[in-house]
Protein backbone atom coordinates (compact mmCIF):
# COMPACT_ATOMS: atom_id res chain seq x y z
CA MET A 1 10.69 -57.54 -30.04
CA LYS A 2 9.47 -54.15 -31.21
CA LYS A 3 6.69 -54.21 -28.62
CA SER A 4 9.15 -54.74 -25.76
CA ILE A 5 11.31 -51.87 -27.03
CA LYS A 6 8.27 -49.57 -27.10
CA ILE A 7 7.31 -50.56 -23.55
CA ALA A 8 10.87 -50.01 -22.34
CA LEU A 9 10.97 -46.61 -24.06
CA VAL A 10 7.65 -45.56 -22.50
CA ILE A 11 8.84 -46.67 -19.05
CA PHE A 12 12.12 -44.77 -19.53
CA ILE A 13 10.29 -41.58 -20.57
CA VAL A 14 7.89 -41.86 -17.62
CA LEU A 15 10.81 -42.35 -15.21
CA ILE A 16 12.61 -39.31 -16.64
CA PHE A 17 9.41 -37.28 -16.35
CA VAL A 18 8.89 -38.33 -12.71
CA ALA A 19 12.54 -37.61 -11.90
CA VAL A 20 12.28 -34.10 -13.35
CA ILE A 21 9.13 -33.41 -11.33
CA VAL A 22 10.69 -34.68 -8.10
CA LEU A 23 13.90 -32.74 -8.70
CA GLY A 24 11.94 -29.57 -9.48
CA GLY A 25 9.93 -30.01 -6.30
CA LEU A 26 13.09 -30.40 -4.23
CA VAL A 27 14.64 -27.29 -5.78
CA MET A 28 11.46 -25.27 -5.15
CA ALA A 29 11.36 -26.48 -1.53
CA GLU A 30 14.94 -25.32 -0.96
CA LEU A 31 14.24 -21.93 -2.55
CA PHE A 32 11.12 -21.59 -0.41
CA LYS A 33 13.15 -22.25 2.75
CA LYS A 34 15.87 -19.72 1.85
CA ARG A 35 13.66 -16.76 0.97
CA ASP A 36 13.84 -13.65 3.12
CA ILE A 37 10.62 -13.22 5.08
CA SER A 38 11.91 -10.92 7.80
CA GLY A 39 9.38 -8.30 8.80
CA THR A 40 6.47 -9.88 6.94
CA PRO A 41 3.26 -11.41 8.30
CA PHE A 42 4.72 -14.85 7.52
CA GLU A 43 7.48 -14.31 10.05
CA SER A 44 5.58 -12.20 12.54
CA ARG A 45 3.57 -13.53 15.42
CA TYR A 46 -0.03 -12.45 15.63
CA VAL A 47 -1.13 -10.54 18.72
CA LEU A 48 -4.41 -9.12 19.95
CA ASP A 49 -4.95 -5.39 19.63
CA GLU A 50 -7.11 -3.25 21.92
CA SER A 51 -10.29 -4.25 20.05
CA GLY A 52 -9.58 -7.97 20.33
CA ASN A 53 -8.60 -8.39 16.67
CA PHE A 54 -5.63 -10.48 15.64
CA ILE A 55 -2.98 -8.34 13.98
CA ALA A 56 0.50 -9.14 12.75
CA ASN A 57 3.30 -7.91 14.95
CA ILE A 58 5.11 -6.28 12.03
CA PRO A 59 8.04 -4.02 12.99
CA PHE A 60 6.64 -0.79 11.54
CA GLU A 61 9.62 1.19 12.79
CA ARG A 62 11.65 -0.49 10.04
CA TYR A 63 9.31 0.84 7.36
CA LEU A 64 7.48 3.93 8.66
CA TYR A 65 9.60 6.82 9.82
CA THR A 66 9.92 10.56 9.39
CA PRO A 67 12.81 11.28 7.06
CA GLU A 68 15.52 13.67 8.10
CA TYR A 69 15.88 16.43 5.55
CA PRO A 70 19.30 17.78 4.68
CA SER A 71 19.93 21.13 6.34
CA ASP A 72 21.85 22.58 3.38
CA GLU A 73 18.91 22.31 0.94
CA LYS A 74 15.94 24.64 0.71
CA ILE A 75 12.58 22.99 1.20
CA PHE A 76 9.48 24.75 -0.09
CA ASP A 77 5.81 24.20 0.67
CA ILE A 78 3.95 24.45 -2.63
CA ARG A 79 0.84 25.65 -0.79
CA ASP A 80 2.69 28.92 -0.19
CA TYR A 81 2.68 29.48 -3.95
CA GLY A 82 -0.98 28.83 -4.73
CA ALA A 83 -1.40 25.07 -4.53
CA SER A 84 -4.49 23.83 -2.75
CA THR A 85 -5.27 20.64 -0.88
CA ALA A 86 -9.03 21.08 -1.38
CA ALA A 87 -10.65 18.26 -3.36
CA ASP A 88 -12.79 20.62 -5.46
CA PHE A 89 -9.85 22.79 -6.52
CA ILE A 90 -8.70 22.11 -10.07
CA GLY A 91 -5.79 24.12 -11.39
CA THR A 92 -6.81 24.24 -15.05
CA CYS A 93 -7.38 27.97 -15.43
CA LEU A 94 -5.97 29.18 -18.73
CA SER A 95 -6.85 32.86 -18.61
CA THR A 96 -4.96 35.54 -16.68
CA ASP A 97 -7.91 36.60 -14.47
CA CYS A 98 -8.07 33.32 -12.49
CA THR A 99 -7.96 33.49 -8.74
């Protein structure tokens, strides 16, 4: 009698384990379907560019744009005040005779 109870318990635990795995898989499948993939390579169709390479037809106009600056704020270019874009320029001068 004890052996049959152990077998029934093992079968019950295995069935619960399988049910949890199947239910988790179904939930993950639904979440995967409902995710937002707009504007990504997953949604985009691939097209050929001028060189013959496949590229994703991603709507760059949704992501890359020139921002419009407010007209009532002052905008300064830090290069006008001594900043440099040169790679070898390091602004670590501590004395007053730096140029």
